[in-house]
C-alpha atoms as a PDB file:
ATOM      1  CA  MET A   1       0.000   0.000   0.000  1.00  0.00           C
ATOM      2  CA  ILE A   2       1.187   3.500  -0.816  1.00  0.00           C
ATOM      3  CA  PRO A   3       1.358   5.588   2.380  1.00  0.00           C
ATOM      4  CA  LYS A   4      -0.945   8.604   2.544  1.00  0.00           C
ATOM      5  CA  ALA A   5      -0.165  12.002   4.019  1.00  0.00           C
ATOM      6  CA  ALA A   6      -2.773  14.655   4.748  1.00  0.00           C
ATOM      7  CA  VAL A   7      -0.973  17.928   4.021  1.00  0.00           C
ATOM      8  CA  ILE A   8      -2.641  20.989   5.528  1.00  0.00           C
ATOM      9  CA  ASN A   9      -1.139  24.043   3.880  1.00  0.00           C
ATOM     10  CA  ASP A  10      -1.846  26.862   1.428  1.00  0.00           C
ATOM     11  CA  LEU A  11      -1.892  26.580  -2.362  1.00  0.00           C
ATOM     12  CA  SER A  12       0.055  29.322  -4.144  1.00  0.00           C
ATOM     13  CA  GLY A  13      -0.053  29.623  -7.924  1.00  0.00           C
ATOM     14  CA  PHE A  14       3.515  30.940  -8.053  1.00  0.00           C
ATOM     15  CA  GLY A  15       6.434  30.604  -5.674  1.00  0.00           C
ATOM     16  CA  LYS A  16       7.001  26.818  -5.560  1.00  0.00           C
ATOM     17  CA  CYS A  17       6.081  26.632  -1.905  1.00  0.00           C
ATOM     18  CA  SER A  18       3.565  24.982   0.427  1.00  0.00           C
ATOM     19  CA  LEU A  19       1.376  22.493  -1.464  1.00  0.00           C
ATOM     20  CA  THR A  20       3.072  23.056  -4.824  1.00  0.00           C
ATOM     21  CA  ALA A  21       6.279  21.918  -3.125  1.00  0.00           C
ATOM     22  CA  ALA A  22       4.784  19.115  -1.035  1.00  0.00           C
ATOM     23  CA  ILE A  23       2.803  17.389  -3.784  1.00  0.00           C
ATOM     24  CA  PRO A  24       5.681  16.652  -6.222  1.00  0.00           C
ATOM     25  CA  VAL A  25       8.175  15.829  -3.459  1.00  0.00           C
ATOM     26  CA  LEU A  26       5.884  13.394  -1.677  1.00  0.00           C
ATOM     27  CA  SER A  27       4.872  11.822  -4.984  1.00  0.00           C
ATOM     28  CA  ALA A  28       8.537  11.316  -5.933  1.00  0.00           C
ATOM     29  CA  LEU A  29       9.106   9.644  -2.570  1.00  0.00           C
ATOM     30  CA  GLY A  30       6.245   7.210  -3.162  1.00  0.00           C
ATOM     31  CA  VAL A  31       3.702   8.894  -0.876  1.00  0.00           C
ATOM     32  CA  GLN A  32       0.182   9.974  -1.791  1.00  0.00           C
ATOM     33  CA  CYS A  33      -0.317  13.635  -0.893  1.00  0.00           C
ATOM     34  CA  CYS A  34      -3.889  14.442   0.174  1.00  0.00           C
ATOM     35  CA  PRO A  35      -4.027  18.253   0.223  1.00  0.00           C
ATOM     36  CA  LEU A  36      -6.224  20.266   2.557  1.00  0.00           C
ATOM     37  CA  ALA A  37      -5.861  23.876   1.429  1.00  0.00           C
ATOM     38  CA  THR A  38      -5.890  26.500   4.175  1.00  0.00           C
ATOM     39  CA  ALA A  39      -5.858  29.306   1.595  1.00  0.00           C
ATOM     40  CA  VAL A  40      -5.525  29.792  -2.145  1.00  0.00           C
ATOM     41  CA  LEU A  41      -3.176  32.527  -3.343  1.00  0.00           C
ATOM     42  CA  THR A  42      -2.404  33.835  -6.806  1.00  0.00           C
ATOM     43  CA  GLY A  43       1.236  33.816  -5.687  1.00  0.00           C
ATOM     44  CA  GLN A  44       3.098  33.510  -2.416  1.00  0.00           C
ATOM     45  CA  THR A  45       3.125  36.554  -0.157  1.00  0.00           C
ATOM     46  CA  GLY A  46       6.640  37.672  -1.087  1.00  0.00           C
ATOM     47  CA  TYR A  47       5.363  38.994  -4.410  1.00  0.00           C
ATOM     48  CA  PRO A  48       4.462  42.690  -4.495  1.00  0.00           C
ATOM     49  CA  HIS A  49       0.992  41.855  -5.819  1.00  0.00           C
ATOM     50  CA  TYR A  50      -1.114  38.870  -4.790  1.00  0.00           C
ATOM     51  CA  THR A  51      -4.638  37.913  -3.808  1.00  0.00           C
ATOM     52  CA  CYS A  52      -5.407  35.473  -0.998  1.00  0.00           C
ATOM     53  CA  THR A  53      -8.668  33.616  -0.442  1.00  0.00           C
ATOM     54  CA  ASP A  54      -8.878  32.307   3.119  1.00  0.00           C
ATOM     55  CA  LEU A  55     -10.442  28.817   3.318  1.00  0.00           C
ATOM     56  CA  THR A  56     -10.995  28.676   7.083  1.00  0.00           C
ATOM     57  CA  ASP A  57     -14.725  28.044   6.622  1.00  0.00           C
ATOM     58  CA  MET A  58     -14.046  25.073   4.356  1.00  0.00           C
ATOM     59  CA  MET A  59     -11.786  23.211   6.770  1.00  0.00           C
ATOM     60  CA  PRO A  60     -14.713  21.645   8.728  1.00  0.00           C
ATOM     61  CA  GLN A  61     -16.091  20.412   5.397  1.00  0.00           C
ATOM     62  CA  TYR A  62     -12.844  18.594   4.676  1.00  0.00           C
ATOM     63  CA  ILE A  63     -13.053  16.941   8.079  1.00  0.00           C
ATOM     64  CA  ARG A  64     -16.717  15.992   7.702  1.00  0.00           C
ATOM     65  CA  ARG A  65     -16.494  14.644   4.147  1.00  0.00           C
ATOM     66  CA  TRP A  66     -13.199  12.834   4.623  1.00  0.00           C
ATOM     67  CA  LYS A  67     -14.556  11.182   7.749  1.00  0.00           C
ATOM     68  CA  GLN A  68     -17.730  10.141   5.904  1.00  0.00           C
ATOM     69  CA  ASN A  69     -15.582   8.644   3.138  1.00  0.00           C
ATOM     70  CA  GLY A  70     -13.548   6.643   5.638  1.00  0.00           C
ATOM     71  CA  ALA A  71     -10.266   8.451   5.041  1.00  0.00           C
ATOM     72  CA  ALA A  72      -7.176   7.329   6.957  1.00  0.00           C
ATOM     73  CA  PHE A  73      -3.645   8.701   6.928  1.00  0.00           C
ATOM     74  CA  ASP A  74      -0.145   7.491   7.722  1.00  0.00           C
ATOM     75  CA  ALA A  75       0.968  11.077   8.323  1.00  0.00           C
ATOM     76  CA  ILE A  76      -0.528  14.476   9.024  1.00  0.00           C
ATOM     77  CA  TYR A  77       1.690  17.373   8.007  1.00  0.00           C
ATOM     78  CA  SER A  78       0.692  20.959   8.743  1.00  0.00           C
ATOM     79  CA  GLY A  79       2.179  24.182   7.422  1.00  0.00           C
ATOM     80  CA  TYR A  80       0.811  27.674   6.815  1.00  0.00           C
ATOM     81  CA  MET A  81      -2.180  28.621   8.949  1.00  0.00           C
ATOM     82  CA  THR A  82      -3.949  31.942   8.413  1.00  0.00           C
ATOM     83  CA  GLY A  83      -4.856  32.342  12.091  1.00  0.00           C
ATOM     84  CA  ALA A  84      -5.834  30.848  15.435  1.00  0.00           C
ATOM     85  CA  VAL A  85      -9.227  29.610  14.156  1.00  0.00           C
ATOM     86  CA  GLN A  86      -7.498  27.372  11.627  1.00  0.00           C
ATOM     87  CA  LEU A  87      -5.370  25.906  14.395  1.00  0.00           C
ATOM     88  CA  ARG A  88      -8.532  24.990  16.276  1.00  0.00           C
ATOM     89  CA  HIS A  89      -9.791  23.247  13.138  1.00  0.00           C
ATOM     90  CA  LEU A  90      -6.449  21.416  12.956  1.00  0.00           C
ATOM     91  CA  GLU A  91      -6.965  20.199  16.519  1.00  0.00           C
ATOM     92  CA  GLU A  92     -10.346  18.820  15.462  1.00  0.00           C
ATOM     93  CA  PHE A  93      -8.741  17.176  12.430  1.00  0.00           C
ATOM     94  CA  LEU A  94      -6.268  15.438  14.702  1.00  0.00           C
ATOM     95  CA  LEU A  95      -9.055  14.156  16.940  1.00  0.00           C
ATOM     96  CA  HIS A  96     -10.673  12.437  13.962  1.00  0.00           C
ATOM     97  CA  PHE A  97      -7.679  11.239  11.947  1.00  0.00           C
ATOM     98  CA  ARG A  98      -4.619  10.864  14.169  1.00  0.00           C
ATOM     99  CA  GLU A  99      -4.118   7.265  15.212  1.00  0.00           C
ATOM    100  CA  SER A 100      -1.431   5.793  17.446  1.00  0.00           C
ATOM    101  CA  GLY A 101       0.863   5.133  14.481  1.00  0.00           C
ATOM    102  CA  THR A 102       0.200   8.340  12.573  1.00  0.00           C
ATOM    103  CA  LEU A 103       3.232  10.579  12.085  1.00  0.00           C
ATOM    104  CA  PHE A 104       2.381  14.179  12.942  1.00  0.00           C
ATOM    105  CA  LEU A 105       4.757  16.761  11.480  1.00  0.00           C
ATOM    106  CA  VAL A 106       4.362  20.476  12.182  1.00  0.00           C
ATOM    107  CA  ASP A 107       6.108  23.165  10.165  1.00  0.00           C
ATOM    108  CA  PRO A 108       5.220  26.166  12.386  1.00  0.00           C
ATOM    109  CA  VAL A 109       5.111  28.946   9.786  1.00  0.00           C
ATOM    110  CA  MET A 110       5.336  32.261  11.654  1.00  0.00           C
ATOM    111  CA  GLY A 111       8.446  34.198  10.595  1.00  0.00           C
ATOM    112  CA  ASP A 112      12.085  34.218   9.491  1.00  0.00           C
ATOM    113  CA  ASP A 113      15.302  36.215   9.919  1.00  0.00           C
ATOM    114  CA  GLY A 114      14.194  37.500  13.322  1.00  0.00           C
ATOM    115  CA  ARG A 115      10.904  38.920  12.005  1.00  0.00           C
ATOM    116  CA  VAL A 116       7.318  37.659  12.110  1.00  0.00           C
ATOM    117  CA  TYR A 117       5.042  37.329   9.087  1.00  0.00           C
ATOM    118  CA  GLY A 118       1.990  39.503   8.510  1.00  0.00           C
ATOM    119  CA  MET A 119      -0.572  36.960   9.735  1.00  0.00           C
ATOM    120  CA  TYR A 120       1.238  36.552  13.081  1.00  0.00           C
ATOM    121  CA  THR A 121      -0.733  37.298  16.259  1.00  0.00           C
ATOM    122  CA  PRO A 122      -0.270  36.351  19.926  1.00  0.00           C
ATOM    123  CA  GLU A 123      -3.272  34.022  19.527  1.00  0.00           C
ATOM    124  CA  LEU A 124      -1.636  32.301  16.563  1.00  0.00           C
ATOM    125  CA  LEU A 125       1.541  31.823  18.601  1.00  0.00           C
ATOM    126  CA  GLU A 126      -0.301  30.249  21.527  1.00  0.00           C
ATOM    127  CA  GLY A 127      -2.165  27.901  19.193  1.00  0.00           C
ATOM    128  CA  MET A 128       1.047  26.995  17.374  1.00  0.00           C
ATOM    129  CA  ARG A 129       2.807  26.273  20.659  1.00  0.00           C
ATOM    130  CA  SER A 130       0.028  23.909  21.706  1.00  0.00           C
ATOM    131  CA  ILE A 131      -0.057  22.102  18.353  1.00  0.00           C
ATOM    132  CA  SER A 132       3.733  21.859  18.115  1.00  0.00           C
ATOM    133  CA  ARG A 133       4.061  20.276  21.540  1.00  0.00           C
ATOM    134  CA  SER A 134       1.810  17.429  20.426  1.00  0.00           C
ATOM    135  CA  ALA A 135       3.819  16.713  17.252  1.00  0.00           C
ATOM    136  CA  ASP A 136       6.210  13.839  16.599  1.00  0.00           C
ATOM    137  CA  LEU A 137       8.438  16.045  14.475  1.00  0.00           C
ATOM    138  CA  ILE A 138       8.688  19.840  14.149  1.00  0.00           C
ATOM    139  CA  THR A 139      10.681  21.802  11.568  1.00  0.00           C
ATOM    140  CA  PRO A 140      10.951  25.440  12.681  1.00  0.00           C
ATOM    141  CA  ASN A 141      13.563  27.819  11.389  1.00  0.00           C
ATOM    142  CA  LEU A 142      15.508  29.585  14.153  1.00  0.00           C
ATOM    143  CA  THR A 143      13.044  32.495  14.314  1.00  0.00           C
ATOM    144  CA  GLU A 144      10.091  30.130  14.735  1.00  0.00           C
ATOM    145  CA  ALA A 145      12.004  28.027  17.258  1.00  0.00           C
ATOM    146  CA  CYS A 146      12.592  31.156  19.334  1.00  0.00           C
ATOM    147  CA  LEU A 147       8.920  32.101  19.165  1.00  0.00           C
ATOM    148  CA  LEU A 148       7.860  28.630  20.300  1.00  0.00           C
ATOM    149  CA  ALA A 149      10.454  28.544  23.084  1.00  0.00           C
ATOM    150  CA  GLY A 150       9.864  32.102  24.312  1.00  0.00           C
ATOM    151  CA  LYS A 151      13.374  33.228  23.354  1.00  0.00           C
ATOM    152  CA  ASP A 152      14.391  36.768  22.384  1.00  0.00           C
ATOM    153  CA  LEU A 153      14.036  37.189  18.605  1.00  0.00           C
ATOM    154  CA  GLY A 154      16.855  39.710  18.633  1.00  0.00           C
ATOM    155  CA  LYS A 155      19.324  36.900  19.234  1.00  0.00           C
ATOM    156  CA  VAL A 156      18.511  35.313  15.860  1.00  0.00           C
ATOM    157  CA  THR A 157      20.584  37.889  13.974  1.00  0.00           C
ATOM    158  CA  ALA A 158      22.914  38.929  16.809  1.00  0.00           C
ATOM    159  CA  TYR A 159      25.535  36.212  16.402  1.00  0.00           C
ATOM    160  CA  ARG A 160      28.485  36.663  14.078  1.00  0.00           C
ATOM    161  CA  ASP A 161      30.256  33.352  14.611  1.00  0.00           C
ATOM    162  CA  SER A 162      28.991  29.830  14.091  1.00  0.00           C
ATOM    163  CA  LYS A 163      29.926  28.486  17.523  1.00  0.00           C
ATOM    164  CA  SER A 164      27.768  30.890  19.542  1.00  0.00           C
ATOM    165  CA  CYS A 165      24.919  30.818  17.018  1.00  0.00           C
ATOM    166  CA  LEU A 166      24.766  27.034  16.925  1.00  0.00           C
ATOM    167  CA  SER A 167      25.042  26.803  20.707  1.00  0.00           C
ATOM    168  CA  PHE A 168      22.005  29.082  20.973  1.00  0.00           C
ATOM    169  CA  ALA A 169      20.132  27.005  18.363  1.00  0.00           C
ATOM    170  CA  GLU A 170      20.829  23.787  20.267  1.00  0.00           C
ATOM    171  CA  GLU A 171      19.748  25.353  23.554  1.00  0.00           C
ATOM    172  CA  THR A 172      16.495  26.502  21.930  1.00  0.00           C
ATOM    173  CA  ALA A 173      15.851  23.085  20.372  1.00  0.00           C
ATOM    174  CA  ARG A 174      16.336  21.377  23.734  1.00  0.00           C
ATOM    175  CA  VAL A 175      13.828  23.749  25.328  1.00  0.00           C
ATOM    176  CA  LEU A 176      11.281  22.789  22.667  1.00  0.00           C
ATOM    177  CA  GLN A 177      11.929  19.077  23.113  1.00  0.00           C
ATOM    178  CA  ALA A 178      11.524  19.411  26.886  1.00  0.00           C
ATOM    179  CA  GLN A 179       8.311  21.406  26.509  1.00  0.00           C
ATOM    180  CA  ALA A 180       6.765  18.644  24.432  1.00  0.00           C
ATOM    181  CA  GLY A 181       6.829  16.284  27.392  1.00  0.00           C
ATOM    182  CA  ARG A 182       6.825  13.373  24.947  1.00  0.00           C
ATOM    183  CA  PRO A 183       9.252  11.831  22.445  1.00  0.00           C
ATOM    184  CA  GLN A 184       9.737  14.486  19.799  1.00  0.00           C
ATOM    185  CA  HIS A 185      12.279  15.184  17.079  1.00  0.00           C
ATOM    186  CA  VAL A 186      13.175  18.853  16.603  1.00  0.00           C
ATOM    187  CA  VAL A 187      14.779  19.961  13.346  1.00  0.00           C
ATOM    188  CA  VAL A 188      15.850  23.612  13.299  1.00  0.00           C
ATOM    189  CA  THR A 189      16.278  24.429   9.626  1.00  0.00           C
ATOM    190  CA  GLY A 190      18.277  26.921   7.610  1.00  0.00           C
ATOM    191  CA  ILE A 191      20.464  28.335  10.385  1.00  0.00           C
ATOM    192  CA  ARG A 192      22.470  31.106   8.758  1.00  0.00           C
ATOM    193  CA  CYS A 193      25.559  32.044  10.736  1.00  0.00           C
ATOM    194  CA  PRO A 194      28.344  32.411   8.150  1.00  0.00           C
ATOM    195  CA  ASP A 195      31.966  32.770   9.194  1.00  0.00           C
ATOM    196  CA  SER A 196      34.268  34.800   7.010  1.00  0.00           C
ATOM    197  CA  ASP A 197      36.543  31.827   6.328  1.00  0.00           C
ATOM    198  CA  ALA A 198      33.984  29.030   6.003  1.00  0.00           C
ATOM    199  CA  PRO A 199      30.425  30.091   5.144  1.00  0.00           C
ATOM    200  CA  PHE A 200      27.903  27.330   5.734  1.00  0.00           C
ATOM    201  CA  ILE A 201      24.208  26.927   6.397  1.00  0.00           C
ATOM    202  CA  TYR A 202      23.237  24.488   9.120  1.00  0.00           C
ATOM    203  CA  ASN A 203      20.367  22.190  10.015  1.00  0.00           C
ATOM    204  CA  LEU A 204      20.227  20.995  13.597  1.00  0.00           C
ATOM    205  CA  VAL A 205      18.526  17.656  14.251  1.00  0.00           C
ATOM    206  CA  LEU A 206      17.678  16.789  17.849  1.00  0.00           C
ATOM    207  CA  THR A 207      16.356  13.269  18.489  1.00  0.00           C
ATOM    208  CA  GLU A 208      16.160  11.013  21.521  1.00  0.00           C
ATOM    209  CA  GLU A 209      19.650   9.829  20.589  1.00  0.00           C
ATOM    210  CA  GLY A 210      21.164  13.292  20.784  1.00  0.00           C
ATOM    211  CA  MET A 211      22.046  16.262  18.610  1.00  0.00           C
ATOM    212  CA  HIS A 212      23.205  15.969  15.006  1.00  0.00           C
ATOM    213  CA  LEU A 213      24.526  18.989  13.112  1.00  0.00           C
ATOM    214  CA  LEU A 214      24.382  19.018   9.326  1.00  0.00           C
ATOM    215  CA  ARG A 215      25.944  21.672   7.163  1.00  0.00           C
ATOM    216  CA  SER A 216      26.046  22.581   3.499  1.00  0.00           C
ATOM    217  CA  ARG A 217      27.237  25.417   1.305  1.00  0.00           C
ATOM    218  CA  TYR A 218      25.915  28.860   2.202  1.00  0.00           C
ATOM    219  CA  PHE A 219      24.334  30.789  -0.672  1.00  0.00           C
ATOM    220  CA  ASP A 220      24.041  34.558  -0.432  1.00  0.00           C
ATOM    221  CA  ARG A 221      20.490  34.505  -1.810  1.00  0.00           C
ATOM    222  CA  SER A 222      17.387  33.010  -0.234  1.00  0.00           C
ATOM    223  CA  PHE A 223      14.494  31.570  -2.218  1.00  0.00           C
ATOM    224  CA  SER A 224      10.829  30.903  -1.617  1.00  0.00           C
ATOM    225  CA  GLY A 225       9.744  27.430  -0.552  1.00  0.00           C
ATOM    226  CA  THR A 226      13.016  25.914   0.643  1.00  0.00           C
ATOM    227  CA  GLY A 227      11.605  25.242   4.112  1.00  0.00           C
ATOM    228  CA  ASP A 228       8.551  23.577   2.602  1.00  0.00           C
ATOM    229  CA  LEU A 229      10.719  21.385   0.412  1.00  0.00           C
ATOM    230  CA  PHE A 230      12.861  20.373   3.393  1.00  0.00           C
ATOM    231  CA  ALA A 231       9.856  19.477   5.564  1.00  0.00           C
ATOM    232  CA  SER A 232       8.223  17.578   2.705  1.00  0.00           C
ATOM    233  CA  VAL A 233      11.329  15.441   2.186  1.00  0.00           C
ATOM    234  CA  LEU A 234      11.399  14.667   5.911  1.00  0.00           C
ATOM    235  CA  CYS A 235       7.747  13.639   5.880  1.00  0.00           C
ATOM    236  CA  GLY A 236       8.079  11.413   2.836  1.00  0.00           C
ATOM    237  CA  CYS A 237      11.311   9.775   3.953  1.00  0.00           C
ATOM    238  CA  ARG A 238       9.984   9.041   7.417  1.00  0.00           C
ATOM    239  CA  LEU A 239       6.941   7.359   5.875  1.00  0.00           C
ATOM    240  CA  ARG A 240       9.277   5.251   3.731  1.00  0.00           C
ATOM    241  CA  GLY A 241      11.089   4.016   6.831  1.00  0.00           C
ATOM    242  CA  MET A 242      14.099   6.313   7.018  1.00  0.00           C
ATOM    243  CA  ASP A 243      15.230   7.802  10.314  1.00  0.00           C
ATOM    244  CA  THR A 244      15.058  11.555  10.845  1.00  0.00           C
ATOM    245  CA  VAL A 245      18.797  12.205  10.558  1.00  0.00           C
ATOM    246  CA  SER A 246      19.146  10.282   7.278  1.00  0.00           C
ATOM    247  CA  ALA A 247      16.036  12.023   5.926  1.00  0.00           C
ATOM    248  CA  ALA A 248      17.480  15.425   6.848  1.00  0.00           C
ATOM    249  CA  GLU A 249      20.762  14.574   5.131  1.00  0.00           C
ATOM    250  CA  LEU A 250      18.914  13.667   1.933  1.00  0.00           C
ATOM    251  CA  ALA A 251      16.805  16.835   2.160  1.00  0.00           C
ATOM    252  CA  GLU A 252      19.942  18.929   2.615  1.00  0.00           C
ATOM    253  CA  ARG A 253      21.650  17.454  -0.474  1.00  0.00           C
ATOM    254  CA  PHE A 254      18.482  17.875  -2.531  1.00  0.00           C
ATOM    255  CA  LEU A 255      18.140  21.530  -1.561  1.00  0.00           C
ATOM    256  CA  SER A 256      21.820  22.327  -1.977  1.00  0.00           C
ATOM    257  CA  HIS A 257      21.843  20.976  -5.520  1.00  0.00           C
ATOM    258  CA  SER A 258      18.555  22.710  -6.354  1.00  0.00           C
ATOM    259  CA  ILE A 259      19.714  26.083  -5.038  1.00  0.00           C
ATOM    260  CA  ALA A 260      23.129  25.825  -6.729  1.00  0.00           C
ATOM    261  CA  ASP A 261      21.430  25.188 -10.068  1.00  0.00           C
ATOM    262  CA  THR A 262      19.001  28.066  -9.512  1.00  0.00           C
ATOM    263  CA  MET A 263      21.869  30.453  -8.720  1.00  0.00           C
ATOM    264  CA  ASN A 264      23.063  30.024 -12.307  1.00  0.00           C
ATOM    265  CA  GLU A 265      19.924  31.769 -13.516  1.00  0.00           C
ATOM    266  CA  ASN A 266      18.868  35.350 -12.912  1.00  0.00           C
ATOM    267  CA  ILE A 267      15.469  34.702 -11.366  1.00  0.00           C
ATOM    268  CA  ASP A 268      13.447  36.471  -8.692  1.00  0.00           C
ATOM    269  CA  ARG A 269      13.832  34.892  -5.232  1.00  0.00           C
ATOM    270  CA  ASN A 270      10.034  34.786  -4.999  1.00  0.00           C
ATOM    271  CA  ASP A 271       9.873  32.316  -7.876  1.00  0.00           C
ATOM    272  CA  GLY A 272      11.486  29.535  -5.819  1.00  0.00           C
ATOM    273  CA  VAL A 273      14.183  27.043  -6.778  1.00  0.00           C
ATOM    274  CA  TYR A 274      14.588  24.708  -9.739  1.00  0.00           C
ATOM    275  CA  PHE A 275      14.037  21.537  -7.767  1.00  0.00           C
ATOM    276  CA  GLU A 276      12.178  19.538 -10.406  1.00  0.00           C
ATOM    277  CA  LYS A 277      15.247  18.106 -12.152  1.00  0.00           C
ATOM    278  CA  PHE A 278      16.567  16.850  -8.815  1.00  0.00           C
ATOM    279  CA  LEU A 279      13.500  14.853  -7.827  1.00  0.00           C
ATOM    280  CA  ARG A 280      15.283  11.795  -9.218  1.00  0.00           C
ATOM    281  CA  GLU A 281      17.862  12.223  -6.454  1.00  0.00           C
ATOM    282  CA  LEU A 282      15.078  11.783  -3.910  1.00  0.00           C
ATOM    283  CA  ILE A 283      13.785   8.684  -5.665  1.00  0.00           C
ATOM    284  CA  GLU A 284      17.259   7.152  -5.778  1.00  0.00           C
ATOM    285  CA  GLY A 285      18.050   8.225  -2.223  1.00  0.00           C
ATOM    286  CA  VAL A 286      14.968   6.714  -0.626  1.00  0.00           C
ATOM    287  CA  SER A 287      15.234   3.579  -2.775  1.00  0.00           C
ATOM    288  CA  SER A 288      18.827   3.075  -1.667  1.00  0.00           C
ATOM    289  CA  ALA A 289      17.924   3.607   1.988  1.00  0.00           C
ATOM    290  CA  CYS A 290      14.981   1.223   1.767  1.00  0.00           C
ATOM    291  CA  GLY A 291      17.201  -1.339   0.047  1.00  0.00           C
ATOM    292  CA  ARG A 292      19.742  -1.182   2.863  1.00  0.00           C
ATOM    293  CA  GLN A 293      16.958  -1.556   5.415  1.00  0.00           C
ATOM    294  CA  HIS A 294      15.542  -4.557   3.536  1.00  0.00           C
ATOM    295  CA  THR A 295      18.982  -6.219   3.441  1.00  0.00           C
ATOM    296  CA  HIS A 296      19.488  -5.556   7.158  1.00  0.00           C
ATOM    297  CA  ASN A 297      16.103  -7.071   8.017  1.00  0.00           C
ATOM    298  CA  LYS A 298      16.811 -10.087   5.822  1.00  0.00           C
ATOM    299  CA  GLU A 299      20.153 -10.703   7.564  1.00  0.00           C
ATOM    300  CA  GLU A 300      18.446 -10.469  10.951  1.00  0.00           C
ATOM    301  CA  TYR A 301      15.827 -13.001   9.867  1.00  0.00           C
ATOM    302  CA  GLN A 302      18.451 -15.438   8.625  1.00  0.00           C
END
């Protein structure tokens, strides 16, 4: 059976983010993406001109109709929420569709680079904190991790060396893991703390086994949708049996290659990255990992 993931996020016509990132990535990883749109936008909100239709009122209809049709999911993956009311609908969704073995991944979209997004409110933060604490896996950037942990946002951009920045990121991740009060994996994504001699971007993975620090080349341009792509790879790989650290490593390689290729073209950052040609890397990566797992299980059986 092909695993199914309910992906609760917005649908943007341009920007290669949210559902337009999750659907192809999950499909490439052999997972059926079942989208629940929280909003429909002509283009993501970084564009100077866009129109957004909020679908808060439709969310209960998704729940009702999917329940009537006997829907079941191997994962529930939430992203952009337009406000606190949508988070309450998400809580109801979880009551109906989250089973004991269902992976729940939260990408707590609230801000970046030490700043909050336009839809941010104190009520949204409180709802996001509650939802995030119940998740199996969360993928905040450092700004969102600070918001969830009650840390000073000013510290996000205050550090000028990797050691102090990464120490702060680990401290924040451990606060989040402790707040969950349950087994939870915390992945702090896209930590930008370049040194003059060795510029890198980091992803910090905190599991029950400890902290793992991944790094890749730092690019001096940021693009729309990279966080969504990273979280989507994690979701799909976990459903295919990979552990969180291995999934994060594959996501990091996929993004690094996609961004490097995009940097060769003069495109607007709002347009997102050229990830499509690298989807084969995901297919090969998860197939190789699953093959190793199959061989390991076979040896154990023998």
